Structure formats: C-alpha cells, structure tokens
Amino acid sequence: MRAILVAVAVLFVTLGAKAFSAQDLKPLQAPPPQVWESREEMHDDYVRRFESAAGFGMSRMLRPPMLDRSGTLDSGRHRFAIEAVELVGHLQTDAPAAYVPVSHDAS
C-alpha cells in the first residue's frame, strides 16, 4: 500500500511539473520605479493614476495606483522621493482644502 502511495505521489509531482512548465509561466516582475524630470510631469502622472482609480474622492486615494510611492523627481541637481500624496480640493471653498488622513493629525 505504501509503495502505491509513493508511486502516486511521484506521478502527481511529475505531471504537475510538466503542466506548470508547459504553460511557460514566468514570475511577475515589478516595473522599474518612475523617474520624473519636472514637477508638472510628476503631477500629471498622479492625476492620471487618480482618474484611473475606482471610487470617488478620498476613497480613490486608498487604491493601488495611488499607494505606489516608488517614483523619484530628478531635477538634475537634486533627487526627491515621494513620502505622501494628498488630495486637494478647490471647487467648494475659496481657499484650497487638503483632505489628509487622520494619521497626519498635528496634535
């Protein structure tokens, strides 16, 4: 009985490996981090990300396209990394209003 179980296990592993290799599956690789040469280019990229994210308003900020902070702004003299992306509204108030998470509470 034990020999039959071992033979079935070997057969299962062999066939499973063949099926896996027949599909020619390759590991996923993350794209290289974005490098922007100007603030405008960086802003436009994040606007596109925001527009492509599902949801409305602040809920869009919690989607994967907006959570990626891997890019770098390279001005030629200095390189800047992104620490946070904030949603700023200016349609309902006279002065722009930033919608920041509770974790940014200054108290």
C-alpha atoms as a PDB file:
ATOM      1  CA  MET A   1       0.000   0.000   0.000  1.00  0.00           C
ATOM      2  CA  ARG A   2       2.831   2.384   0.883  1.00  0.00           C
ATOM      3  CA  ALA A   3       4.503   1.709  -2.482  1.00  0.00           C
ATOM      4  CA  ILE A   4       1.296   2.663  -4.281  1.00  0.00           C
ATOM      5  CA  LEU A   5       1.063   5.953  -2.349  1.00  0.00           C
ATOM      6  CA  VAL A   6       4.700   6.771  -3.164  1.00  0.00           C
ATOM      7  CA  ALA A   7       4.139   5.951  -6.844  1.00  0.00           C
ATOM      8  CA  VAL A   8       1.012   8.148  -6.948  1.00  0.00           C
ATOM      9  CA  ALA A   9       2.868  11.000  -5.227  1.00  0.00           C
ATOM     10  CA  VAL A  10       5.778  10.767  -7.697  1.00  0.00           C
ATOM     11  CA  LEU A  11       3.353  10.673 -10.614  1.00  0.00           C
ATOM     12  CA  PHE A  12       1.458  13.680  -9.262  1.00  0.00           C
ATOM     13  CA  VAL A  13       4.638  15.735  -8.798  1.00  0.00           C
ATOM     14  CA  THR A  14       5.962  14.762 -12.244  1.00  0.00           C
ATOM     15  CA  LEU A  15       2.729  15.570 -14.055  1.00  0.00           C
ATOM     16  CA  GLY A  16       2.264  18.768 -12.064  1.00  0.00           C
ATOM     17  CA  ALA A  17       5.752  19.954 -13.000  1.00  0.00           C
ATOM     18  CA  LYS A  18       5.146  19.134 -16.661  1.00  0.00           C
ATOM     19  CA  ALA A  19       1.841  21.021 -16.668  1.00  0.00           C
ATOM     20  CA  PHE A  20       3.490  24.016 -14.988  1.00  0.00           C
ATOM     21  CA  SER A  21       6.394  24.096 -17.432  1.00  0.00           C
ATOM     22  CA  ALA A  22       4.076  23.554 -20.417  1.00  0.00           C
ATOM     23  CA  GLN A  23       2.293  26.816 -19.571  1.00  0.00           C
ATOM     24  CA  ASP A  24       5.606  28.685 -19.777  1.00  0.00           C
ATOM     25  CA  LEU A  25       4.771  30.670 -16.645  1.00  0.00           C
ATOM     26  CA  LYS A  26       7.262  33.338 -15.697  1.00  0.00           C
ATOM     27  CA  PRO A  27       7.491  35.156 -12.372  1.00  0.00           C
ATOM     28  CA  LEU A  28       5.942  38.613 -12.299  1.00  0.00           C
ATOM     29  CA  GLN A  29       8.437  41.449 -12.259  1.00  0.00           C
ATOM     30  CA  ALA A  30       7.644  44.887 -10.939  1.00  0.00           C
ATOM     31  CA  PRO A  31       8.162  47.718 -13.411  1.00  0.00           C
ATOM     32  CA  PRO A  32      11.158  49.951 -12.715  1.00  0.00           C
ATOM     33  CA  PRO A  33      10.430  52.964 -10.495  1.00  0.00           C
ATOM     34  CA  GLN A  34       9.174  56.044 -12.330  1.00  0.00           C
ATOM     35  CA  VAL A  35      11.582  58.991 -12.709  1.00  0.00           C
ATOM     36  CA  TRP A  36      10.105  62.398 -13.481  1.00  0.00           C
ATOM     37  CA  GLU A  37      12.138  65.348 -14.730  1.00  0.00           C
ATOM     38  CA  SER A  38       9.674  68.050 -13.683  1.00  0.00           C
ATOM     39  CA  ARG A  39       7.008  68.690 -11.059  1.00  0.00           C
ATOM     40  CA  GLU A  40       4.435  69.034 -13.831  1.00  0.00           C
ATOM     41  CA  GLU A  41       5.306  65.608 -15.259  1.00  0.00           C
ATOM     42  CA  MET A  42       5.004  64.027 -11.798  1.00  0.00           C
ATOM     43  CA  HIS A  43       1.696  65.819 -11.133  1.00  0.00           C
ATOM     44  CA  ASP A  44       0.248  64.726 -14.490  1.00  0.00           C
ATOM     45  CA  ASP A  45       1.196  61.111 -13.753  1.00  0.00           C
ATOM     46  CA  TYR A  46      -0.575  61.187 -10.385  1.00  0.00           C
ATOM     47  CA  VAL A  47      -3.630  62.873 -11.928  1.00  0.00           C
ATOM     48  CA  ARG A  48      -3.836  60.003 -14.444  1.00  0.00           C
ATOM     49  CA  ARG A  49      -3.488  57.488 -11.611  1.00  0.00           C
ATOM     50  CA  PHE A  50      -6.223  59.224  -9.603  1.00  0.00           C
ATOM     51  CA  GLU A  51      -8.570  59.307 -12.587  1.00  0.00           C
ATOM     52  CA  SER A  52      -7.982  55.600 -13.303  1.00  0.00           C
ATOM     53  CA  ALA A  53      -8.635  54.524  -9.690  1.00  0.00           C
ATOM     54  CA  ALA A  54     -12.102  53.233  -8.850  1.00  0.00           C
ATOM     55  CA  GLY A  55     -14.221  55.124  -6.354  1.00  0.00           C
ATOM     56  CA  PHE A  56     -14.986  58.750  -5.638  1.00  0.00           C
ATOM     57  CA  GLY A  57     -12.955  61.430  -3.895  1.00  0.00           C
ATOM     58  CA  MET A  58     -10.931  60.339  -0.895  1.00  0.00           C
ATOM     59  CA  SER A  59     -11.731  56.626  -1.459  1.00  0.00           C
ATOM     60  CA  ARG A  60      -9.621  56.743  -4.636  1.00  0.00           C
ATOM     61  CA  MET A  61      -6.565  57.646  -2.574  1.00  0.00           C
ATOM     62  CA  LEU A  62      -6.556  54.177  -0.988  1.00  0.00           C
ATOM     63  CA  ARG A  63      -6.351  52.282  -4.305  1.00  0.00           C
ATOM     64  CA  PRO A  64      -3.108  50.601  -5.521  1.00  0.00           C
ATOM     65  CA  PRO A  65      -2.295  53.186  -8.241  1.00  0.00           C
ATOM     66  CA  MET A  66      -2.257  55.928  -5.606  1.00  0.00           C
ATOM     67  CA  LEU A  67      -0.410  53.911  -2.952  1.00  0.00           C
ATOM     68  CA  ASP A  68       2.685  53.429  -5.129  1.00  0.00           C
ATOM     69  CA  ARG A  69       5.355  55.851  -3.892  1.00  0.00           C
ATOM     70  CA  SER A  70       8.306  54.321  -5.753  1.00  0.00           C
ATOM     71  CA  GLY A  71       8.905  57.222  -8.147  1.00  0.00           C
ATOM     72  CA  THR A  72      11.578  59.892  -7.929  1.00  0.00           C
ATOM     73  CA  LEU A  73      11.602  63.535  -9.020  1.00  0.00           C
ATOM     74  CA  ASP A  74      15.031  64.238 -10.512  1.00  0.00           C
ATOM     75  CA  SER A  75      15.599  67.956 -11.088  1.00  0.00           C
ATOM     76  CA  GLY A  76      19.157  67.484 -12.324  1.00  0.00           C
ATOM     77  CA  ARG A  77      20.696  68.912  -9.170  1.00  0.00           C
ATOM     78  CA  HIS A  78      18.554  67.158  -6.577  1.00  0.00           C
ATOM     79  CA  ARG A  79      16.518  63.969  -6.322  1.00  0.00           C
ATOM     80  CA  PHE A  80      13.302  63.936  -4.327  1.00  0.00           C
ATOM     81  CA  ALA A  81      11.423  60.857  -3.087  1.00  0.00           C
ATOM     82  CA  ILE A  82       7.660  60.822  -2.546  1.00  0.00           C
ATOM     83  CA  GLU A  83       6.539  60.341   1.048  1.00  0.00           C
ATOM     84  CA  ALA A  84       2.830  61.170   0.758  1.00  0.00           C
ATOM     85  CA  VAL A  85       0.251  62.134  -1.821  1.00  0.00           C
ATOM     86  CA  GLU A  86      -2.554  64.417  -0.637  1.00  0.00           C
ATOM     87  CA  LEU A  87      -5.886  65.174  -2.269  1.00  0.00           C
ATOM     88  CA  VAL A  88      -6.510  68.925  -2.562  1.00  0.00           C
ATOM     89  CA  GLY A  89      -9.922  70.312  -3.438  1.00  0.00           C
ATOM     90  CA  HIS A  90     -10.628  73.836  -4.606  1.00  0.00           C
ATOM     91  CA  LEU A  91     -14.150  73.750  -6.039  1.00  0.00           C
ATOM     92  CA  GLN A  92     -16.235  74.044  -2.862  1.00  0.00           C
ATOM     93  CA  THR A  93     -14.151  76.537  -0.881  1.00  0.00           C
ATOM     94  CA  ASP A  94     -12.476  79.843  -1.664  1.00  0.00           C
ATOM     95  CA  ALA A  95      -9.100  78.557  -0.462  1.00  0.00           C
ATOM     96  CA  PRO A  96      -7.781  75.103  -1.448  1.00  0.00           C
ATOM     97  CA  ALA A  97      -8.525  72.418   1.149  1.00  0.00           C
ATOM     98  CA  ALA A  98      -6.302  69.389   1.677  1.00  0.00           C
ATOM     99  CA  TYR A  99      -8.012  66.116   2.548  1.00  0.00           C
ATOM    100  CA  VAL A 100      -5.489  64.405   4.788  1.00  0.00           C
ATOM    101  CA  PRO A 101      -5.811  61.129   6.674  1.00  0.00           C
ATOM    102  CA  VAL A 102      -6.240  61.140  10.446  1.00  0.00           C
ATOM    103  CA  SER A 103      -2.685  59.782  10.765  1.00  0.00           C
ATOM    104  CA  HIS A 104      -1.411  63.255   9.785  1.00  0.00           C
ATOM    105  CA  ASP A 105      -3.028  64.862  12.837  1.00  0.00           C
ATOM    106  CA  ALA A 106      -0.671  67.529  14.161  1.00  0.00           C
ATOM    107  CA  SER A 107      -1.924  67.351  17.760  1.00  0.00           C
END
